Amino acid sequence: MRYDLQVHTDASPCSATPPKKVAVAAADAGLDGIVVTDHDTLANVDRVREHAPAGLDVVSGVEVTTTQGHLLGIDIDDAPPKTDPLTVIDEIHEQDGIAVLSHPFDTMRQFYDRELPAIAAAVDGVEATNSRCVRPLFNRQARAFAAHHGLAITGGSDAHFPMEVGRAATEFEGTLREAIREGTTTPCGHGRYLSGHVATKVQQARRAIGGLR
């Protein structure tokens, strides 16, 4: 199976992609599934499911803003509060969800630099291939951290626009939940997508200007 574990819709302030286009892009990319991970909300998960073609699994998720970096909550129903990473991980596990560190050492975005041993002991996996990590070093550091602590590694496009969906993904056998918990996932795809960041900044500016009107 090949799932893109980080995909955004227009429920995220930095994305302009409606749910239908996300579903179509995922099918066009030949994915078996996606995790919808908007920032701090699950508002569009059901809408993506409504437009998903047969054979495309749409998993509920969220990218939580913590006091350090971002954290993916996978297969959950409610967005955890924006607080410290350990509390967010606990909240995800209380929902029987999977907690994955999102682009944890990308210093061009929010990143992790405190309580790393405790976080490693609590989390289920580490995103080791993120298409929006401009410097390859950021993904390498994530992979090394996961290897040092015996954690599963995942891949996600971090797509904010349709053409990005599937640029990175996670390959596994069985179910996604079991594969991450057993550490048998394999990330695949590409990083260094600078133009995606530029487009995102433009989208954020448009929303900010629209909000002032």
N, C-alpha and C. Protein backbone atom coordinates (compact mmCIF):
# COMPACT_ATOMS: atom_id res chain seq x y z
N MET A 1 0.83 -1.19 0.00
CA MET A 1 0.00 0.00 0.00
C MET A 1 0.88 1.25 0.00
N ARG A 2 0.37 2.31 -0.59
CA ARG A 2 1.10 3.58 -0.61
C ARG A 2 0.14 4.71 -0.25
N TYR A 3 0.40 5.31 0.92
CA TYR A 3 -0.43 6.40 1.43
C TYR A 3 0.41 7.67 1.57
N ASP A 4 -0.18 8.79 1.23
CA ASP A 4 0.42 10.09 1.53
C ASP A 4 -0.09 10.50 2.90
N LEU A 5 0.81 10.60 3.88
CA LEU A 5 0.37 10.80 5.27
C LEU A 5 0.26 12.26 5.69
N GLN A 6 0.46 13.19 4.77
CA GLN A 6 0.24 14.59 5.14
C GLN A 6 -0.28 15.38 3.95
N VAL A 7 -1.59 15.64 3.97
CA VAL A 7 -2.25 16.36 2.89
C VAL A 7 -3.18 17.42 3.48
N HIS A 8 -3.09 18.63 2.94
CA HIS A 8 -3.91 19.75 3.44
C HIS A 8 -4.98 20.13 2.43
N THR A 9 -6.08 20.68 2.95
CA THR A 9 -7.16 21.23 2.12
C THR A 9 -7.31 22.71 2.45
N ASP A 10 -8.34 23.33 1.88
CA ASP A 10 -8.54 24.74 2.16
C ASP A 10 -9.09 25.02 3.57
N ALA A 11 -9.19 23.97 4.39
CA ALA A 11 -9.48 24.20 5.81
C ALA A 11 -8.23 24.71 6.54
N SER A 12 -7.08 24.56 5.91
CA SER A 12 -5.83 25.13 6.42
C SER A 12 -5.65 26.52 5.83
N PRO A 13 -5.23 27.49 6.62
CA PRO A 13 -5.09 28.86 6.10
C PRO A 13 -4.03 29.00 5.02
N CYS A 14 -3.14 28.02 4.92
CA CYS A 14 -2.05 28.10 3.95
C CYS A 14 -2.34 27.29 2.68
N SER A 15 -3.55 26.77 2.55
CA SER A 15 -3.91 25.97 1.38
C SER A 15 -5.16 26.53 0.71
N ALA A 16 -5.22 26.38 -0.60
CA ALA A 16 -6.38 26.83 -1.36
C ALA A 16 -7.10 25.68 -2.06
N THR A 17 -6.76 24.44 -1.68
CA THR A 17 -7.27 23.28 -2.40
C THR A 17 -8.57 22.76 -1.79
N PRO A 18 -9.68 22.80 -2.52
CA PRO A 18 -10.94 22.27 -2.00
C PRO A 18 -10.89 20.74 -1.90
N PRO A 19 -11.72 20.16 -1.04
CA PRO A 19 -11.71 18.71 -0.81
C PRO A 19 -11.80 17.87 -2.08
N LYS A 20 -12.66 18.27 -3.02
CA LYS A 20 -12.82 17.47 -4.24
C LYS A 20 -11.51 17.38 -5.01
N LYS A 21 -10.77 18.49 -5.12
CA LYS A 21 -9.51 18.47 -5.85
C LYS A 21 -8.46 17.63 -5.14
N VAL A 22 -8.51 17.59 -3.82
CA VAL A 22 -7.59 16.73 -3.07
C VAL A 22 -7.84 15.27 -3.42
N ALA A 23 -9.11 14.87 -3.41
CA ALA A 23 -9.47 13.49 -3.71
C ALA A 23 -9.07 13.11 -5.13
N VAL A 24 -9.34 14.00 -6.08
CA VAL A 24 -8.99 13.74 -7.48
C VAL A 24 -7.48 13.64 -7.65
N ALA A 25 -6.75 14.54 -7.01
CA ALA A 25 -5.28 14.53 -7.13
C ALA A 25 -4.69 13.25 -6.55
N ALA A 26 -5.26 12.78 -5.44
CA ALA A 26 -4.76 11.54 -4.83
C ALA A 26 -4.99 10.35 -5.73
N ALA A 27 -6.15 10.30 -6.36
CA ALA A 27 -6.45 9.20 -7.29
C ALA A 27 -5.53 9.28 -8.51
N ASP A 28 -5.33 10.49 -9.03
CA ASP A 28 -4.46 10.66 -10.19
C ASP A 28 -3.01 10.27 -9.88
N ALA A 29 -2.60 10.44 -8.62
CA ALA A 29 -1.24 10.08 -8.22
C ALA A 29 -1.07 8.58 -7.99
N GLY A 30 -2.16 7.84 -8.10
CA GLY A 30 -2.10 6.39 -7.94
C GLY A 30 -1.96 5.94 -6.50
N LEU A 31 -2.37 6.79 -5.56
CA LEU A 31 -2.26 6.44 -4.14
C LEU A 31 -3.38 5.49 -3.72
N ASP A 32 -3.08 4.66 -2.74
CA ASP A 32 -4.10 3.80 -2.14
C ASP A 32 -4.86 4.54 -1.05
N GLY A 33 -4.23 5.56 -0.48
CA GLY A 33 -4.89 6.30 0.59
C GLY A 33 -4.16 7.60 0.90
N ILE A 34 -4.84 8.46 1.64
CA ILE A 34 -4.25 9.71 2.12
C ILE A 34 -4.72 9.93 3.55
N VAL A 35 -3.94 10.71 4.29
CA VAL A 35 -4.38 11.19 5.59
C VAL A 35 -4.58 12.69 5.45
N VAL A 36 -5.79 13.16 5.71
CA VAL A 36 -6.09 14.58 5.63
C VAL A 36 -5.64 15.22 6.95
N THR A 37 -4.67 16.12 6.86
CA THR A 37 -4.03 16.65 8.07
C THR A 37 -4.03 18.18 8.06
N ASP A 38 -5.19 18.78 8.07
CA ASP A 38 -5.24 20.24 8.13
C ASP A 38 -4.74 20.73 9.47
N HIS A 39 -4.35 22.00 9.49
CA HIS A 39 -3.80 22.58 10.71
C HIS A 39 -4.88 22.77 11.78
N ASP A 40 -4.77 21.94 12.84
CA ASP A 40 -5.59 22.09 14.05
C ASP A 40 -7.08 21.96 13.80
N THR A 41 -7.48 21.26 12.75
CA THR A 41 -8.89 21.04 12.49
C THR A 41 -9.09 19.78 11.65
N LEU A 42 -10.23 19.11 11.85
CA LEU A 42 -10.63 17.97 11.03
C LEU A 42 -11.85 18.32 10.18
N ALA A 43 -12.06 19.61 9.95
CA ALA A 43 -13.29 20.09 9.34
C ALA A 43 -13.58 19.51 7.96
N ASN A 44 -12.55 19.20 7.17
CA ASN A 44 -12.79 18.78 5.79
C ASN A 44 -12.60 17.29 5.54
N VAL A 45 -12.35 16.52 6.57
CA VAL A 45 -12.12 15.08 6.36
C VAL A 45 -13.31 14.43 5.68
N ASP A 46 -14.50 14.64 6.21
CA ASP A 46 -15.70 14.01 5.63
C ASP A 46 -15.97 14.50 4.21
N ARG A 47 -15.65 15.75 3.94
CA ARG A 47 -15.87 16.29 2.59
C ARG A 47 -14.93 15.64 1.58
N VAL A 48 -13.69 15.37 2.00
CA VAL A 48 -12.78 14.65 1.10
C VAL A 48 -13.31 13.24 0.85
N ARG A 49 -13.79 12.60 1.90
CA ARG A 49 -14.35 11.24 1.76
C ARG A 49 -15.52 11.22 0.78
N GLU A 50 -16.34 12.25 0.82
CA GLU A 50 -17.50 12.31 -0.07
C GLU A 50 -17.09 12.29 -1.54
N HIS A 51 -15.93 12.85 -1.83
CA HIS A 51 -15.47 12.95 -3.22
C HIS A 51 -14.47 11.87 -3.60
N ALA A 52 -14.07 11.04 -2.66
CA ALA A 52 -13.06 10.02 -2.93
C ALA A 52 -13.60 8.93 -3.83
N PRO A 53 -12.89 8.58 -4.89
CA PRO A 53 -13.33 7.48 -5.74
C PRO A 53 -13.16 6.14 -5.04
N ALA A 54 -13.81 5.14 -5.55
CA ALA A 54 -13.69 3.80 -4.98
C ALA A 54 -12.23 3.37 -4.97
N GLY A 55 -11.81 2.79 -3.85
CA GLY A 55 -10.44 2.32 -3.75
C GLY A 55 -9.49 3.28 -3.09
N LEU A 56 -9.92 4.52 -2.87
CA LEU A 56 -9.06 5.49 -2.19
C LEU A 56 -9.50 5.61 -0.73
N ASP A 57 -8.63 5.21 0.17
CA ASP A 57 -8.90 5.28 1.61
C ASP A 57 -8.57 6.69 2.11
N VAL A 58 -9.51 7.32 2.78
CA VAL A 58 -9.28 8.65 3.35
C VAL A 58 -9.30 8.53 4.87
N VAL A 59 -8.14 8.75 5.48
CA VAL A 59 -7.97 8.60 6.93
C VAL A 59 -8.07 9.97 7.58
N SER A 60 -8.79 10.04 8.69
CA SER A 60 -8.91 11.30 9.42
C SER A 60 -7.61 11.63 10.13
N GLY A 61 -7.22 12.89 10.08
CA GLY A 61 -6.00 13.31 10.75
C GLY A 61 -5.97 14.80 10.98
N VAL A 62 -4.91 15.26 11.61
CA VAL A 62 -4.75 16.68 11.90
C VAL A 62 -3.27 16.95 12.12
N GLU A 63 -2.82 18.14 11.74
CA GLU A 63 -1.47 18.57 12.06
C GLU A 63 -1.58 19.59 13.19
N VAL A 64 -1.16 19.16 14.37
CA VAL A 64 -1.34 19.97 15.58
C VAL A 64 -0.15 20.92 15.75
N THR A 65 -0.46 22.16 16.06
CA THR A 65 0.57 23.14 16.39
C THR A 65 0.92 22.99 17.87
N THR A 66 2.13 22.55 18.16
CA THR A 66 2.53 22.41 19.56
C THR A 66 3.44 23.58 19.95
N THR A 67 3.88 23.59 21.17
CA THR A 67 4.78 24.65 21.63
C THR A 67 6.18 24.50 21.06
N GLN A 68 6.42 23.40 20.34
CA GLN A 68 7.69 23.23 19.62
C GLN A 68 7.37 23.10 18.12
N GLY A 69 7.42 21.87 17.63
CA GLY A 69 7.13 21.64 16.22
C GLY A 69 5.69 21.23 16.00
N HIS A 70 5.43 20.73 14.80
CA HIS A 70 4.09 20.24 14.47
C HIS A 70 4.03 18.73 14.72
N LEU A 71 2.82 18.23 14.95
CA LEU A 71 2.63 16.82 15.29
C LEU A 71 1.42 16.30 14.55
N LEU A 72 1.59 15.20 13.82
CA LEU A 72 0.48 14.57 13.11
C LEU A 72 -0.28 13.64 14.03
N GLY A 73 -1.59 13.85 14.11
CA GLY A 73 -2.47 12.92 14.80
C GLY A 73 -3.24 12.16 13.73
N ILE A 74 -3.01 10.86 13.63
CA ILE A 74 -3.57 10.04 12.56
C ILE A 74 -4.64 9.10 13.10
N ASP A 75 -5.75 9.01 12.36
CA ASP A 75 -6.87 8.14 12.71
C ASP A 75 -7.51 8.57 14.04
N ILE A 76 -7.82 9.85 14.14
CA ILE A 76 -8.50 10.39 15.32
C ILE A 76 -9.74 11.15 14.87
N ASP A 77 -10.61 11.48 15.82
CA ASP A 77 -11.87 12.15 15.50
C ASP A 77 -11.93 13.60 15.96
N ASP A 78 -11.07 13.98 16.90
CA ASP A 78 -11.10 15.34 17.43
C ASP A 78 -9.69 15.92 17.46
N ALA A 79 -9.58 17.20 17.15
CA ALA A 79 -8.27 17.86 17.16
C ALA A 79 -7.82 18.12 18.59
N PRO A 80 -6.64 17.67 18.97
CA PRO A 80 -6.11 17.96 20.30
C PRO A 80 -5.85 19.45 20.46
N PRO A 81 -5.81 19.94 21.69
CA PRO A 81 -5.50 21.35 21.91
C PRO A 81 -4.06 21.67 21.52
N LYS A 82 -3.84 22.93 21.19
CA LYS A 82 -2.48 23.38 20.85
C LYS A 82 -1.72 23.64 22.15
N THR A 83 -0.85 22.69 22.49
CA THR A 83 -0.11 22.78 23.75
C THR A 83 1.24 22.08 23.58
N ASP A 84 1.86 21.64 24.67
CA ASP A 84 3.17 21.02 24.57
C ASP A 84 3.09 19.64 23.91
N PRO A 85 4.17 19.20 23.25
CA PRO A 85 4.15 17.95 22.49
C PRO A 85 3.72 16.72 23.29
N LEU A 86 4.22 16.57 24.51
CA LEU A 86 3.88 15.37 25.29
C LEU A 86 2.40 15.31 25.60
N THR A 87 1.80 16.45 25.90
CA THR A 87 0.35 16.47 26.17
C THR A 87 -0.43 16.16 24.90
N VAL A 88 0.02 16.70 23.76
CA VAL A 88 -0.65 16.41 22.49
C VAL A 88 -0.56 14.92 22.16
N ILE A 89 0.61 14.33 22.36
CA ILE A 89 0.77 12.89 22.10
C ILE A 89 -0.19 12.09 22.99
N ASP A 90 -0.29 12.46 24.25
CA ASP A 90 -1.22 11.78 25.16
C ASP A 90 -2.65 11.90 24.66
N GLU A 91 -3.03 13.08 24.20
CA GLU A 91 -4.38 13.31 23.70
C GLU A 91 -4.67 12.42 22.48
N ILE A 92 -3.69 12.29 21.60
CA ILE A 92 -3.85 11.45 20.42
C ILE A 92 -4.00 9.99 20.83
N HIS A 93 -3.18 9.55 21.76
CA HIS A 93 -3.26 8.15 22.21
C HIS A 93 -4.55 7.86 22.96
N GLU A 94 -5.10 8.85 23.64
CA GLU A 94 -6.39 8.66 24.33
C GLU A 94 -7.50 8.38 23.32
N GLN A 95 -7.31 8.85 22.08
CA GLN A 95 -8.28 8.56 21.01
C GLN A 95 -7.88 7.31 20.22
N ASP A 96 -6.88 6.58 20.73
CA ASP A 96 -6.36 5.39 20.06
C ASP A 96 -5.79 5.74 18.69
N GLY A 97 -5.25 6.96 18.57
CA GLY A 97 -4.67 7.39 17.32
C GLY A 97 -3.16 7.19 17.29
N ILE A 98 -2.56 7.56 16.18
CA ILE A 98 -1.13 7.43 15.96
C ILE A 98 -0.51 8.83 15.95
N ALA A 99 0.58 9.00 16.69
CA ALA A 99 1.25 10.29 16.78
C ALA A 99 2.59 10.24 16.04
N VAL A 100 2.77 11.15 15.10
CA VAL A 100 3.99 11.19 14.28
C VAL A 100 4.54 12.62 14.27
N LEU A 101 5.84 12.76 14.53
CA LEU A 101 6.47 14.07 14.48
C LEU A 101 6.53 14.54 13.03
N SER A 102 6.06 15.75 12.79
CA SER A 102 5.99 16.31 11.45
C SER A 102 7.20 17.21 11.18
N HIS A 103 7.94 16.91 10.07
CA HIS A 103 9.18 17.64 9.72
C HIS A 103 9.87 18.20 10.97
N PRO A 104 10.30 17.31 11.88
CA PRO A 104 10.70 17.72 13.23
C PRO A 104 11.92 18.63 13.33
N PHE A 105 12.83 18.56 12.36
CA PHE A 105 14.08 19.34 12.48
C PHE A 105 14.26 20.34 11.34
N ASP A 106 13.15 20.71 10.72
CA ASP A 106 13.18 21.72 9.66
C ASP A 106 13.21 23.10 10.31
N THR A 107 14.38 23.68 10.42
CA THR A 107 14.54 24.95 11.13
C THR A 107 13.99 26.14 10.35
N MET A 108 13.51 25.91 9.14
CA MET A 108 12.84 26.98 8.40
C MET A 108 11.37 27.07 8.79
N ARG A 109 10.93 26.10 9.61
CA ARG A 109 9.56 26.09 10.14
C ARG A 109 9.66 25.83 11.64
N GLN A 110 8.51 25.55 12.26
CA GLN A 110 8.57 25.18 13.67
C GLN A 110 9.29 23.84 13.80
N PHE A 111 10.14 23.71 14.83
CA PHE A 111 10.93 22.48 14.95
C PHE A 111 11.10 22.11 16.43
N TYR A 112 11.61 20.90 16.63
CA TYR A 112 11.79 20.35 17.98
C TYR A 112 13.23 20.53 18.44
N ASP A 113 13.39 21.05 19.65
CA ASP A 113 14.75 21.22 20.19
C ASP A 113 14.82 21.03 21.70
N ARG A 114 13.73 20.54 22.33
CA ARG A 114 13.71 20.35 23.78
C ARG A 114 13.00 19.03 24.12
N GLU A 115 13.37 18.43 25.23
CA GLU A 115 12.72 17.21 25.73
C GLU A 115 12.70 16.09 24.69
N LEU A 116 13.73 16.02 23.86
CA LEU A 116 13.71 15.06 22.76
C LEU A 116 13.66 13.60 23.22
N PRO A 117 14.41 13.19 24.27
CA PRO A 117 14.30 11.79 24.71
C PRO A 117 12.89 11.43 25.17
N ALA A 118 12.24 12.33 25.91
CA ALA A 118 10.89 12.07 26.40
C ALA A 118 9.90 12.01 25.24
N ILE A 119 10.06 12.90 24.27
CA ILE A 119 9.18 12.89 23.10
C ILE A 119 9.37 11.60 22.31
N ALA A 120 10.61 11.18 22.12
CA ALA A 120 10.90 9.95 21.39
C ALA A 120 10.28 8.74 22.07
N ALA A 121 10.28 8.74 23.40
CA ALA A 121 9.72 7.62 24.15
C ALA A 121 8.20 7.56 24.04
N ALA A 122 7.57 8.70 23.73
CA ALA A 122 6.12 8.76 23.72
C ALA A 122 5.51 8.63 22.33
N VAL A 123 6.21 9.11 21.31
CA VAL A 123 5.63 9.20 19.97
C VAL A 123 5.71 7.85 19.25
N ASP A 124 4.89 7.70 18.19
CA ASP A 124 4.85 6.43 17.44
C ASP A 124 5.76 6.41 16.22
N GLY A 125 6.02 7.58 15.65
CA GLY A 125 6.81 7.61 14.44
C GLY A 125 7.35 8.99 14.13
N VAL A 126 8.20 9.05 13.11
CA VAL A 126 8.84 10.29 12.71
C VAL A 126 8.71 10.44 11.19
N GLU A 127 8.29 11.59 10.75
CA GLU A 127 8.23 11.87 9.32
C GLU A 127 9.65 12.11 8.81
N ALA A 128 10.16 11.15 8.06
CA ALA A 128 11.55 11.20 7.60
C ALA A 128 11.68 11.68 6.16
N THR A 129 10.56 11.72 5.43
CA THR A 129 10.55 12.29 4.09
C THR A 129 9.37 13.23 3.98
N ASN A 130 9.67 14.53 3.95
CA ASN A 130 8.66 15.56 3.79
C ASN A 130 9.03 16.36 2.55
N SER A 131 8.12 16.45 1.59
CA SER A 131 8.45 17.08 0.32
C SER A 131 8.77 18.56 0.43
N ARG A 132 8.34 19.18 1.51
CA ARG A 132 8.56 20.62 1.65
C ARG A 132 9.80 20.95 2.47
N CYS A 133 10.58 19.97 2.83
CA CYS A 133 11.87 20.25 3.47
C CYS A 133 12.85 20.68 2.39
N VAL A 134 13.18 21.95 2.38
CA VAL A 134 14.01 22.51 1.31
C VAL A 134 15.43 21.94 1.37
N ARG A 135 15.97 21.79 2.58
CA ARG A 135 17.32 21.24 2.73
C ARG A 135 17.24 19.74 3.01
N PRO A 136 17.93 18.90 2.25
CA PRO A 136 17.93 17.46 2.50
C PRO A 136 18.36 17.11 3.92
N LEU A 137 19.17 17.96 4.51
CA LEU A 137 19.64 17.72 5.88
C LEU A 137 18.49 17.55 6.85
N PHE A 138 17.41 18.29 6.66
CA PHE A 138 16.30 18.23 7.60
C PHE A 138 15.67 16.83 7.63
N ASN A 139 15.49 16.23 6.45
CA ASN A 139 14.95 14.88 6.38
C ASN A 139 15.96 13.86 6.91
N ARG A 140 17.25 14.07 6.62
CA ARG A 140 18.27 13.14 7.12
C ARG A 140 18.32 13.15 8.64
N GLN A 141 18.20 14.32 9.24
CA GLN A 141 18.21 14.42 10.70
C GLN A 141 17.01 13.70 11.30
N ALA A 142 15.87 13.81 10.65
CA ALA A 142 14.67 13.12 11.14
C ALA A 142 14.84 11.61 11.07
N ARG A 143 15.41 11.14 9.97
CA ARG A 143 15.64 9.70 9.81
C ARG A 143 16.64 9.19 10.85
N ALA A 144 17.70 9.95 11.10
CA ALA A 144 18.71 9.55 12.08
C ALA A 144 18.12 9.51 13.49
N PHE A 145 17.28 10.48 13.80
CA PHE A 145 16.62 10.52 15.11
C PHE A 145 15.73 9.29 15.29
N ALA A 146 14.98 8.95 14.27
CA ALA A 146 14.10 7.78 14.34
C ALA A 146 14.92 6.51 14.51
N ALA A 147 16.02 6.38 13.77
CA ALA A 147 16.85 5.18 13.87
C ALA A 147 17.46 5.07 15.26
N HIS A 148 17.91 6.18 15.81
CA HIS A 148 18.54 6.18 17.14
C HIS A 148 17.56 5.72 18.21
N HIS A 149 16.29 6.08 18.04
CA HIS A 149 15.29 5.76 19.07
C HIS A 149 14.39 4.59 18.68
N GLY A 150 14.67 3.93 17.57
CA GLY A 150 13.90 2.77 17.17
C GLY A 150 12.46 3.08 16.80
N LEU A 151 12.24 4.20 16.12
CA LEU A 151 10.89 4.63 15.76
C LEU A 151 10.60 4.40 14.28
N ALA A 152 9.34 4.22 13.97
CA ALA A 152 8.92 4.07 12.58
C ALA A 152 9.19 5.36 11.81
N ILE A 153 9.47 5.24 10.52
CA ILE A 153 9.67 6.41 9.67
C ILE A 153 8.57 6.45 8.61
N THR A 154 8.09 7.66 8.34
CA THR A 154 6.99 7.84 7.40
C THR A 154 7.34 8.90 6.36
N GLY A 155 6.52 8.99 5.33
CA GLY A 155 6.68 10.01 4.31
C GLY A 155 5.36 10.67 3.99
N GLY A 156 5.41 11.98 3.73
CA GLY A 156 4.22 12.72 3.35
C GLY A 156 4.58 13.91 2.50
N SER A 157 3.72 14.25 1.57
CA SER A 157 4.00 15.36 0.67
C SER A 157 3.88 16.70 1.36
N ASP A 158 3.06 16.77 2.42
CA ASP A 158 2.76 18.06 3.05
C ASP A 158 2.08 18.95 2.01
N ALA A 159 1.27 18.32 1.16
CA ALA A 159 0.66 19.01 0.03
C ALA A 159 -0.30 20.11 0.48
N HIS A 160 -0.14 21.27 -0.14
CA HIS A 160 -1.07 22.38 0.04
C HIS A 160 -1.78 22.70 -1.28
N PHE A 161 -1.31 22.10 -2.36
CA PHE A 161 -1.88 22.31 -3.69
C PHE A 161 -1.96 20.97 -4.40
N PRO A 162 -2.91 20.80 -5.34
CA PRO A 162 -3.14 19.48 -5.95
C PRO A 162 -1.91 18.83 -6.56
N MET A 163 -1.06 19.63 -7.22
CA MET A 163 0.09 19.02 -7.90
C MET A 163 1.12 18.43 -6.94
N GLU A 164 0.99 18.75 -5.65
CA GLU A 164 1.93 18.23 -4.66
C GLU A 164 1.53 16.87 -4.10
N VAL A 165 0.26 16.53 -4.18
CA VAL A 165 -0.23 15.30 -3.56
C VAL A 165 0.51 14.09 -4.14
N GLY A 166 1.08 13.28 -3.26
CA GLY A 166 1.79 12.09 -3.67
C GLY A 166 3.26 12.29 -3.96
N ARG A 167 3.78 13.52 -3.84
CA ARG A 167 5.21 13.74 -4.07
C ARG A 167 6.05 12.94 -3.09
N ALA A 168 5.52 12.72 -1.91
CA ALA A 168 6.14 11.80 -0.93
C ALA A 168 5.02 10.98 -0.32
N ALA A 169 5.35 9.79 0.10
CA ALA A 169 4.32 8.89 0.63
C ALA A 169 4.96 7.84 1.54
N THR A 170 4.12 6.98 2.06
CA THR A 170 4.55 5.90 2.96
C THR A 170 4.09 4.57 2.39
N GLU A 171 5.01 3.65 2.22
CA GLU A 171 4.67 2.31 1.73
C GLU A 171 4.66 1.33 2.90
N PHE A 172 3.71 0.41 2.88
CA PHE A 172 3.57 -0.55 3.97
C PHE A 172 2.72 -1.73 3.54
N GLU A 173 2.76 -2.78 4.34
CA GLU A 173 1.88 -3.93 4.16
C GLU A 173 0.95 -4.01 5.35
N GLY A 174 -0.23 -4.59 5.14
CA GLY A 174 -1.20 -4.69 6.23
C GLY A 174 -1.94 -3.38 6.41
N THR A 175 -2.18 -2.99 7.67
CA THR A 175 -2.88 -1.74 7.94
C THR A 175 -1.87 -0.66 8.33
N LEU A 176 -2.23 0.57 8.07
CA LEU A 176 -1.34 1.69 8.38
C LEU A 176 -1.03 1.75 9.87
N ARG A 177 -2.05 1.60 10.69
CA ARG A 177 -1.87 1.66 12.14
C ARG A 177 -0.85 0.60 12.62
N GLU A 178 -1.04 -0.63 12.19
CA GLU A 178 -0.15 -1.71 12.62
C GLU A 178 1.27 -1.51 12.09
N ALA A 179 1.38 -1.05 10.86
CA ALA A 179 2.70 -0.88 10.25
C ALA A 179 3.52 0.18 10.98
N ILE A 180 2.88 1.29 11.35
CA ILE A 180 3.60 2.33 12.08
C ILE A 180 4.00 1.83 13.46
N ARG A 181 3.08 1.20 14.15
CA ARG A 181 3.38 0.72 15.50
C ARG A 181 4.43 -0.38 15.49
N GLU A 182 4.50 -1.14 14.41
CA GLU A 182 5.50 -2.20 14.32
C GLU A 182 6.79 -1.73 13.66
N GLY A 183 6.81 -0.51 13.16
CA GLY A 183 8.02 0.04 12.55
C GLY A 183 8.36 -0.55 11.21
N THR A 184 7.34 -0.93 10.43
CA THR A 184 7.59 -1.58 9.14
C THR A 184 7.25 -0.68 7.95
N THR A 185 7.08 0.60 8.18
CA THR A 185 6.76 1.53 7.10
C THR A 185 8.04 1.98 6.38
N THR A 186 7.88 2.36 5.11
CA THR A 186 9.01 2.84 4.31
C THR A 186 8.60 4.14 3.61
N PRO A 187 9.29 5.25 3.90
CA PRO A 187 8.97 6.50 3.20
C PRO A 187 9.54 6.49 1.79
N CYS A 188 8.87 7.18 0.89
CA CYS A 188 9.35 7.29 -0.48
C CYS A 188 8.98 8.66 -1.03
N GLY A 189 9.66 9.08 -2.08
CA GLY A 189 9.31 10.34 -2.72
C GLY A 189 10.43 11.35 -2.71
N HIS A 190 10.06 12.62 -2.87
CA HIS A 190 11.02 13.68 -3.09
C HIS A 190 10.87 14.81 -2.08
N GLY A 191 11.96 15.50 -1.81
CA GLY A 191 11.95 16.70 -1.00
C GLY A 191 12.37 17.89 -1.84
N ARG A 192 12.79 18.96 -1.15
CA ARG A 192 13.34 20.15 -1.82
C ARG A 192 12.34 20.78 -2.78
N TYR A 193 11.16 21.13 -2.29
CA TYR A 193 10.13 21.72 -3.14
C TYR A 193 9.95 23.18 -2.75
N LEU A 194 10.92 24.02 -3.12
CA LEU A 194 10.92 25.43 -2.72
C LEU A 194 9.73 26.21 -3.27
N SER A 195 9.36 25.93 -4.51
CA SER A 195 8.26 26.69 -5.12
C SER A 195 6.95 26.49 -4.37
N GLY A 196 6.80 25.35 -3.70
CA GLY A 196 5.61 25.12 -2.90
C GLY A 196 5.51 26.10 -1.74
N HIS A 197 6.65 26.40 -1.12
CA HIS A 197 6.66 27.36 -0.03
C HIS A 197 6.28 28.75 -0.53
N VAL A 198 6.79 29.12 -1.70
CA VAL A 198 6.47 30.43 -2.27
C VAL A 198 4.97 30.54 -2.52
N ALA A 199 4.39 29.51 -3.11
CA ALA A 199 2.95 29.52 -3.38
C ALA A 199 2.14 29.60 -2.09
N THR A 200 2.63 28.94 -1.05
CA THR A 200 1.94 28.97 0.23
C THR A 200 1.94 30.38 0.82
N LYS A 201 3.08 31.06 0.74
CA LYS A 201 3.16 32.43 1.26
C LYS A 201 2.21 33.35 0.52
N VAL A 202 2.08 33.15 -0.78
CA VAL A 202 1.15 33.95 -1.57
C VAL A 202 -0.28 33.69 -1.11
N GLN A 203 -0.61 32.41 -0.88
CA GLN A 203 -1.96 32.06 -0.42
C GLN A 203 -2.25 32.67 0.95
N GLN A 204 -1.30 32.62 1.86
CA GLN A 204 -1.50 33.21 3.17
C GLN A 204 -1.72 34.71 3.08
N ALA A 205 -0.98 35.36 2.20
CA ALA A 205 -1.14 36.80 2.02
C ALA A 205 -2.52 37.13 1.47
N ARG A 206 -2.99 36.33 0.53
CA ARG A 206 -4.33 36.56 -0.04
C ARG A 206 -5.41 36.43 1.03
N ARG A 207 -5.28 35.42 1.89
CA ARG A 207 -6.26 35.25 2.95
C ARG A 207 -6.21 36.40 3.95
N ALA A 208 -5.01 36.84 4.26
CA ALA A 208 -4.86 37.95 5.21
C ALA A 208 -5.50 39.22 4.66
N ILE A 209 -5.26 39.49 3.36
CA ILE A 209 -5.85 40.67 2.74
C ILE A 209 -7.38 40.55 2.69
N GLY A 210 -7.84 39.34 2.36
CA GLY A 210 -9.29 39.12 2.32
C GLY A 210 -9.94 39.32 3.67
N GLY A 211 -9.22 38.94 4.74
CA GLY A 211 -9.77 39.08 6.08
C GLY A 211 -9.85 40.52 6.53
N LEU A 212 -9.07 41.39 5.91
CA LEU A 212 -9.08 42.81 6.27
C LEU A 212 -10.19 43.58 5.57
N ARG A 213 -10.76 42.96 4.55
CA ARG A 213 -11.80 43.67 3.78
C ARG A 213 -13.15 43.62 4.50
